[in-house]
Every structure is written in C-alpha cells, then in structure tokens.
Amino acid sequence: MNILLDTCSFLWLVSDSPELSLNARRLFEDPANDIHLSVASAWEIIVKHNIGKLPLPERPHDFIKNNRIRHRIESLPLDEAAVLQLSRLPEYHKDPFDRIIICQAIAEGMTILTPDTHISRYPVRVEW
C-alpha cells in the first residue's frame, strides 16, 4: 500500500507518541507499505515552528530530513496534477495543508494515514 502521512501522523510516528493508533503503527511498520511525507507537510512543520506553535528538538530542516531517513519515509513532491485537484475539492476542510495532502493522495492513488475525520469525507482512502 502507498501511504501518505498526515503531518500529525508524521510527528506522532517519529516521536513514538501514544496518540498514534495501533492500526497506524502497524501500517507504518509493515515493510510491504511504502510510506511518504508530502513536501506540504514539511512546509507546514517549518511554518508552525517559525511562528512558535511547534517546538522541535532541532532545526526544522534537520528534524524533517533526519526523521524521514531514520524511519525510511520517502518525500512526496508537489506537482501540477495534484494542485489541479484543488478546483474539484468540496470545501469540507479549510486547512490548506490538509487540502494539498488530500489532492496528492487523490492524484497518486494513495491512502492517507490520519485521525482527521474531515479528510474521510473526500474521495480518498483513509486509515487510522
């Protein structure tokens, strides 16, 4: 399965947070699954860190890159096909970062690993 991590899922996975569901942990640890982090999530982490809403143990650049490598998470670039999905999305969700992640999952046929129930209203597979 191709899995796209929601930003909170990435943060909880790399910090081994108890907020991570058992199913999410199982899917993440299954070597048959390909796990990805959107560049939109990297952008969100940097923005939130820079405005003081997300403290990190190291610079955001290092935190994101080091944890992606340590946990074998691939980076998912943002391309035009994904961005063009925005014009088709209903306004169920207002968060621009989540909307881009949804578009990427639709364009790439990926499953989103997220606890966000708003995302499940879109035509995308969600696991938690």
N, C-alpha and C. Protein backbone atom coordinates (compact mmCIF):
# COMPACT_ATOMS: atom_id res chain seq x y z
N MET A 1 0.85 -1.17 0.00
CA MET A 1 0.00 0.00 0.00
C MET A 1 0.90 1.24 0.00
N ASN A 2 0.51 2.24 -0.76
CA ASN A 2 1.20 3.53 -0.76
C ASN A 2 0.49 4.43 0.24
N ILE A 3 1.21 4.82 1.27
CA ILE A 3 0.63 5.59 2.36
C ILE A 3 1.24 6.99 2.40
N LEU A 4 0.36 7.97 2.52
CA LEU A 4 0.76 9.36 2.66
C LEU A 4 0.44 9.79 4.09
N LEU A 5 1.44 10.21 4.82
CA LEU A 5 1.25 10.61 6.21
C LEU A 5 0.66 12.00 6.30
N ASP A 6 -0.35 12.15 7.13
CA ASP A 6 -0.79 13.48 7.53
C ASP A 6 0.33 14.04 8.39
N THR A 7 0.42 15.36 8.50
CA THR A 7 1.51 15.97 9.26
C THR A 7 1.53 15.49 10.71
N CYS A 8 0.37 15.45 11.35
CA CYS A 8 0.35 14.99 12.76
C CYS A 8 0.77 13.53 12.86
N SER A 9 0.43 12.73 11.86
CA SER A 9 0.84 11.32 11.88
C SER A 9 2.36 11.20 11.82
N PHE A 10 2.99 12.00 10.98
CA PHE A 10 4.45 12.01 10.91
C PHE A 10 5.04 12.39 12.26
N LEU A 11 4.54 13.47 12.85
CA LEU A 11 5.08 13.94 14.13
C LEU A 11 4.89 12.91 15.23
N TRP A 12 3.75 12.25 15.25
CA TRP A 12 3.49 11.23 16.27
C TRP A 12 4.32 9.98 16.03
N LEU A 13 4.52 9.62 14.76
CA LEU A 13 5.34 8.44 14.46
C LEU A 13 6.78 8.63 14.90
N VAL A 14 7.35 9.76 14.54
CA VAL A 14 8.77 9.96 14.83
C VAL A 14 9.02 10.21 16.32
N SER A 15 8.00 10.62 17.06
CA SER A 15 8.17 10.84 18.50
C SER A 15 7.64 9.66 19.32
N ASP A 16 7.16 8.62 18.63
CA ASP A 16 6.59 7.44 19.28
C ASP A 16 5.50 7.84 20.28
N SER A 17 4.63 8.74 19.84
CA SER A 17 3.57 9.28 20.68
C SER A 17 2.48 8.24 20.95
N PRO A 18 1.92 8.25 22.15
CA PRO A 18 0.80 7.36 22.45
C PRO A 18 -0.48 7.76 21.69
N GLU A 19 -0.49 8.95 21.09
CA GLU A 19 -1.64 9.39 20.30
C GLU A 19 -1.77 8.60 19.00
N LEU A 20 -0.72 7.95 18.60
CA LEU A 20 -0.73 7.15 17.38
C LEU A 20 -1.56 5.88 17.61
N SER A 21 -2.50 5.62 16.72
CA SER A 21 -3.33 4.42 16.89
C SER A 21 -2.51 3.15 16.63
N LEU A 22 -2.98 2.04 17.18
CA LEU A 22 -2.30 0.76 16.96
C LEU A 22 -2.32 0.39 15.48
N ASN A 23 -3.44 0.64 14.80
CA ASN A 23 -3.52 0.34 13.38
C ASN A 23 -2.53 1.20 12.58
N ALA A 24 -2.43 2.48 12.92
CA ALA A 24 -1.49 3.36 12.23
C ALA A 24 -0.06 2.86 12.42
N ARG A 25 0.27 2.49 13.63
CA ARG A 25 1.61 1.97 13.92
C ARG A 25 1.88 0.69 13.13
N ARG A 26 0.87 -0.20 13.06
CA ARG A 26 1.01 -1.46 12.33
C ARG A 26 1.23 -1.19 10.84
N LEU A 27 0.45 -0.27 10.27
CA LEU A 27 0.61 0.06 8.85
C LEU A 27 1.97 0.68 8.57
N PHE A 28 2.42 1.54 9.46
CA PHE A 28 3.71 2.18 9.30
C PHE A 28 4.84 1.16 9.37
N GLU A 29 4.74 0.20 10.25
CA GLU A 29 5.81 -0.78 10.46
C GLU A 29 5.79 -1.92 9.44
N ASP A 30 4.74 -2.06 8.68
CA ASP A 30 4.64 -3.14 7.69
C ASP A 30 5.58 -2.85 6.53
N PRO A 31 6.60 -3.68 6.31
CA PRO A 31 7.57 -3.41 5.24
C PRO A 31 6.97 -3.48 3.84
N ALA A 32 5.78 -4.02 3.71
CA ALA A 32 5.12 -4.06 2.40
C ALA A 32 4.55 -2.70 1.99
N ASN A 33 4.43 -1.79 2.96
CA ASN A 33 3.87 -0.47 2.68
C ASN A 33 4.96 0.54 2.36
N ASP A 34 4.70 1.38 1.39
CA ASP A 34 5.59 2.50 1.06
C ASP A 34 5.02 3.74 1.74
N ILE A 35 5.84 4.35 2.58
CA ILE A 35 5.40 5.48 3.40
C ILE A 35 6.00 6.77 2.83
N HIS A 36 5.14 7.79 2.71
CA HIS A 36 5.56 9.07 2.13
C HIS A 36 5.16 10.24 3.04
N LEU A 37 5.96 11.29 2.96
CA LEU A 37 5.66 12.56 3.61
C LEU A 37 5.61 13.62 2.52
N SER A 38 4.52 14.33 2.45
CA SER A 38 4.37 15.38 1.46
C SER A 38 5.29 16.56 1.77
N VAL A 39 5.76 17.22 0.72
CA VAL A 39 6.51 18.45 0.93
C VAL A 39 5.60 19.50 1.57
N ALA A 40 4.29 19.36 1.40
CA ALA A 40 3.35 20.27 2.07
C ALA A 40 3.42 20.10 3.58
N SER A 41 3.64 18.89 4.05
CA SER A 41 3.80 18.65 5.49
C SER A 41 5.11 19.26 5.98
N ALA A 42 6.15 19.14 5.20
CA ALA A 42 7.43 19.77 5.58
C ALA A 42 7.24 21.28 5.68
N TRP A 43 6.53 21.84 4.73
CA TRP A 43 6.23 23.28 4.73
C TRP A 43 5.43 23.65 5.99
N GLU A 44 4.41 22.86 6.31
CA GLU A 44 3.58 23.12 7.48
C GLU A 44 4.42 23.06 8.77
N ILE A 45 5.27 22.08 8.88
CA ILE A 45 6.12 21.95 10.08
C ILE A 45 7.02 23.17 10.23
N ILE A 46 7.62 23.61 9.14
CA ILE A 46 8.51 24.78 9.18
C ILE A 46 7.74 26.03 9.56
N VAL A 47 6.58 26.24 8.93
CA VAL A 47 5.76 27.42 9.23
C VAL A 47 5.36 27.44 10.70
N LYS A 48 4.84 26.32 11.19
CA LYS A 48 4.38 26.27 12.58
C LYS A 48 5.55 26.42 13.57
N HIS A 49 6.70 25.87 13.22
CA HIS A 49 7.87 26.04 14.09
C HIS A 49 8.29 27.51 14.12
N ASN A 50 8.32 28.14 12.96
CA ASN A 50 8.78 29.52 12.87
C ASN A 50 7.88 30.51 13.59
N ILE A 51 6.58 30.19 13.73
CA ILE A 51 5.68 31.10 14.45
C ILE A 51 5.52 30.70 15.92
N GLY A 52 6.28 29.70 16.34
CA GLY A 52 6.29 29.31 17.74
C GLY A 52 5.22 28.32 18.16
N LYS A 53 4.50 27.73 17.22
CA LYS A 53 3.44 26.78 17.57
C LYS A 53 3.91 25.33 17.60
N LEU A 54 5.14 25.07 17.16
CA LEU A 54 5.63 23.70 17.11
C LEU A 54 7.10 23.67 17.52
N PRO A 55 7.35 23.45 18.80
CA PRO A 55 8.75 23.33 19.22
C PRO A 55 9.34 22.02 18.70
N LEU A 56 10.57 22.07 18.28
CA LEU A 56 11.27 20.89 17.76
C LEU A 56 12.62 20.76 18.47
N PRO A 57 13.14 19.54 18.56
CA PRO A 57 14.42 19.34 19.24
C PRO A 57 15.62 19.79 18.41
N GLU A 58 15.40 20.09 17.14
CA GLU A 58 16.48 20.58 16.27
C GLU A 58 15.87 21.46 15.19
N ARG A 59 16.70 22.08 14.38
CA ARG A 59 16.19 22.95 13.31
C ARG A 59 15.21 22.16 12.45
N PRO A 60 14.14 22.80 11.95
CA PRO A 60 13.14 22.07 11.17
C PRO A 60 13.74 21.31 9.98
N HIS A 61 14.69 21.92 9.30
CA HIS A 61 15.32 21.27 8.15
C HIS A 61 15.93 19.94 8.57
N ASP A 62 16.68 19.97 9.65
CA ASP A 62 17.34 18.75 10.14
C ASP A 62 16.32 17.75 10.69
N PHE A 63 15.35 18.25 11.45
CA PHE A 63 14.33 17.39 12.05
C PHE A 63 13.58 16.60 10.98
N ILE A 64 13.13 17.28 9.95
CA ILE A 64 12.36 16.62 8.89
C ILE A 64 13.23 15.62 8.15
N LYS A 65 14.36 16.07 7.67
CA LYS A 65 15.22 15.21 6.87
C LYS A 65 15.74 14.01 7.68
N ASN A 66 16.23 14.27 8.87
CA ASN A 66 16.78 13.18 9.69
C ASN A 66 15.73 12.14 10.03
N ASN A 67 14.52 12.58 10.37
CA ASN A 67 13.47 11.64 10.73
C ASN A 67 12.91 10.89 9.52
N ARG A 68 12.87 11.54 8.37
CA ARG A 68 12.46 10.82 7.16
C ARG A 68 13.44 9.70 6.87
N ILE A 69 14.72 9.99 6.96
CA ILE A 69 15.74 8.99 6.68
C ILE A 69 15.71 7.89 7.75
N ARG A 70 15.68 8.27 9.00
CA ARG A 70 15.70 7.32 10.12
C ARG A 70 14.52 6.35 10.04
N HIS A 71 13.37 6.82 9.60
CA HIS A 71 12.16 6.00 9.57
C HIS A 71 11.79 5.51 8.17
N ARG A 72 12.72 5.67 7.24
CA ARG A 72 12.51 5.19 5.86
C ARG A 72 11.23 5.74 5.23
N ILE A 73 11.06 7.04 5.34
CA ILE A 73 9.90 7.73 4.79
C ILE A 73 10.36 8.51 3.57
N GLU A 74 9.69 8.27 2.45
CA GLU A 74 10.03 8.96 1.20
C GLU A 74 9.37 10.33 1.14
N SER A 75 10.03 11.27 0.50
CA SER A 75 9.45 12.60 0.27
C SER A 75 8.54 12.54 -0.95
N LEU A 76 7.37 13.16 -0.85
CA LEU A 76 6.45 13.23 -1.99
C LEU A 76 6.41 14.67 -2.47
N PRO A 77 6.97 14.93 -3.67
CA PRO A 77 6.94 16.30 -4.19
C PRO A 77 5.53 16.71 -4.60
N LEU A 78 5.33 17.98 -4.73
CA LEU A 78 4.04 18.52 -5.15
C LEU A 78 4.12 18.81 -6.64
N ASP A 79 3.19 18.25 -7.39
CA ASP A 79 3.21 18.50 -8.83
C ASP A 79 1.88 19.11 -9.28
N GLU A 80 1.85 19.53 -10.53
CA GLU A 80 0.68 20.21 -11.08
C GLU A 80 -0.58 19.35 -11.05
N ALA A 81 -0.44 18.06 -11.33
CA ALA A 81 -1.62 17.18 -11.33
C ALA A 81 -2.31 17.19 -9.98
N ALA A 82 -1.53 17.22 -8.92
CA ALA A 82 -2.11 17.27 -7.58
C ALA A 82 -2.75 18.63 -7.30
N VAL A 83 -2.04 19.69 -7.64
CA VAL A 83 -2.56 21.04 -7.38
C VAL A 83 -3.87 21.27 -8.13
N LEU A 84 -3.97 20.76 -9.35
CA LEU A 84 -5.19 20.97 -10.14
C LEU A 84 -6.40 20.26 -9.52
N GLN A 85 -6.17 19.30 -8.65
CA GLN A 85 -7.28 18.64 -7.94
C GLN A 85 -8.01 19.62 -7.01
N LEU A 86 -7.32 20.69 -6.60
CA LEU A 86 -7.93 21.66 -5.68
C LEU A 86 -9.23 22.23 -6.21
N SER A 87 -9.30 22.45 -7.51
CA SER A 87 -10.52 23.05 -8.09
C SER A 87 -11.70 22.10 -8.03
N ARG A 88 -11.45 20.83 -7.80
CA ARG A 88 -12.52 19.82 -7.73
C ARG A 88 -12.93 19.48 -6.30
N LEU A 89 -12.16 19.94 -5.32
CA LEU A 89 -12.44 19.56 -3.93
C LEU A 89 -13.58 20.37 -3.34
N PRO A 90 -14.56 19.72 -2.73
CA PRO A 90 -15.55 20.45 -1.95
C PRO A 90 -14.87 21.10 -0.75
N GLU A 91 -15.52 22.04 -0.14
CA GLU A 91 -14.95 22.81 0.98
C GLU A 91 -15.22 22.17 2.34
N TYR A 92 -15.10 20.86 2.45
CA TYR A 92 -15.31 20.21 3.74
C TYR A 92 -14.23 20.60 4.74
N HIS A 93 -13.05 20.83 4.23
CA HIS A 93 -11.89 21.09 5.07
C HIS A 93 -11.27 22.41 4.65
N LYS A 94 -10.95 23.26 5.60
CA LYS A 94 -10.41 24.59 5.30
C LYS A 94 -8.89 24.67 5.37
N ASP A 95 -8.25 23.71 6.05
CA ASP A 95 -6.80 23.76 6.24
C ASP A 95 -6.10 23.57 4.90
N PRO A 96 -5.33 24.56 4.45
CA PRO A 96 -4.69 24.46 3.12
C PRO A 96 -3.67 23.33 3.02
N PHE A 97 -2.98 23.03 4.10
CA PHE A 97 -2.00 21.94 4.06
C PHE A 97 -2.71 20.60 3.91
N ASP A 98 -3.78 20.40 4.66
CA ASP A 98 -4.54 19.15 4.54
C ASP A 98 -5.18 19.03 3.16
N ARG A 99 -5.64 20.13 2.62
CA ARG A 99 -6.27 20.08 1.28
C ARG A 99 -5.25 19.64 0.22
N ILE A 100 -4.02 20.11 0.33
CA ILE A 100 -2.99 19.70 -0.63
C ILE A 100 -2.66 18.22 -0.44
N ILE A 101 -2.57 17.77 0.80
CA ILE A 101 -2.31 16.36 1.06
C ILE A 101 -3.42 15.50 0.46
N ILE A 102 -4.66 15.94 0.61
CA ILE A 102 -5.80 15.22 0.02
C ILE A 102 -5.64 15.17 -1.50
N CYS A 103 -5.31 16.28 -2.10
CA CYS A 103 -5.12 16.34 -3.57
C CYS A 103 -4.01 15.40 -4.02
N GLN A 104 -2.93 15.36 -3.28
CA GLN A 104 -1.84 14.46 -3.63
C GLN A 104 -2.28 13.01 -3.53
N ALA A 105 -3.01 12.68 -2.49
CA ALA A 105 -3.48 11.30 -2.33
C ALA A 105 -4.42 10.91 -3.46
N ILE A 106 -5.28 11.82 -3.87
CA ILE A 106 -6.19 11.54 -4.99
C ILE A 106 -5.39 11.35 -6.27
N ALA A 107 -4.49 12.28 -6.56
CA ALA A 107 -3.71 12.23 -7.80
C ALA A 107 -2.81 11.00 -7.88
N GLU A 108 -2.29 10.56 -6.73
CA GLU A 108 -1.33 9.45 -6.70
C GLU A 108 -1.97 8.12 -6.31
N GLY A 109 -3.27 8.13 -5.98
CA GLY A 109 -3.95 6.90 -5.56
C GLY A 109 -3.40 6.37 -4.25
N MET A 110 -3.14 7.26 -3.30
CA MET A 110 -2.54 6.88 -2.03
C MET A 110 -3.58 6.86 -0.91
N THR A 111 -3.24 6.16 0.16
CA THR A 111 -4.04 6.13 1.38
C THR A 111 -3.44 7.13 2.35
N ILE A 112 -4.29 7.95 2.97
CA ILE A 112 -3.81 8.91 3.95
C ILE A 112 -3.91 8.30 5.35
N LEU A 113 -2.82 8.38 6.09
CA LEU A 113 -2.78 7.90 7.47
C LEU A 113 -3.06 9.12 8.35
N THR A 114 -4.30 9.21 8.87
CA THR A 114 -4.70 10.39 9.62
C THR A 114 -5.85 10.11 10.57
N PRO A 115 -5.88 10.81 11.71
CA PRO A 115 -7.04 10.72 12.60
C PRO A 115 -8.11 11.75 12.25
N ASP A 116 -7.84 12.60 11.27
CA ASP A 116 -8.73 13.71 10.92
C ASP A 116 -9.98 13.19 10.19
N THR A 117 -11.12 13.25 10.86
CA THR A 117 -12.36 12.72 10.29
C THR A 117 -12.88 13.56 9.12
N HIS A 118 -12.49 14.83 9.03
CA HIS A 118 -12.90 15.65 7.90
C HIS A 118 -12.32 15.12 6.58
N ILE A 119 -11.12 14.59 6.66
CA ILE A 119 -10.46 14.09 5.45
C ILE A 119 -11.20 12.89 4.88
N SER A 120 -11.80 12.10 5.73
CA SER A 120 -12.52 10.91 5.24
C SER A 120 -13.78 11.25 4.45
N ARG A 121 -14.18 12.50 4.43
CA ARG A 121 -15.34 12.92 3.63
C ARG A 121 -14.98 13.07 2.14
N TYR A 122 -13.71 13.06 1.85
CA TYR A 122 -13.25 13.21 0.46
C TYR A 122 -13.10 11.85 -0.21
N PRO A 123 -13.04 11.84 -1.54
CA PRO A 123 -12.90 10.56 -2.25
C PRO A 123 -11.47 10.02 -2.21
N VAL A 124 -11.03 9.69 -1.01
CA VAL A 124 -9.68 9.20 -0.78
C VAL A 124 -9.74 8.17 0.34
N ARG A 125 -8.90 7.18 0.24
CA ARG A 125 -8.88 6.16 1.30
C ARG A 125 -8.14 6.70 2.51
N VAL A 126 -8.71 6.47 3.68
CA VAL A 126 -8.13 6.94 4.94
C VAL A 126 -7.99 5.75 5.87
N GLU A 127 -6.88 5.70 6.56
CA GLU A 127 -6.64 4.68 7.59
C GLU A 127 -6.25 5.40 8.87
N TRP A 128 -6.64 4.83 9.98
CA TRP A 128 -6.19 5.29 11.27
C TRP A 128 -6.26 4.14 12.25
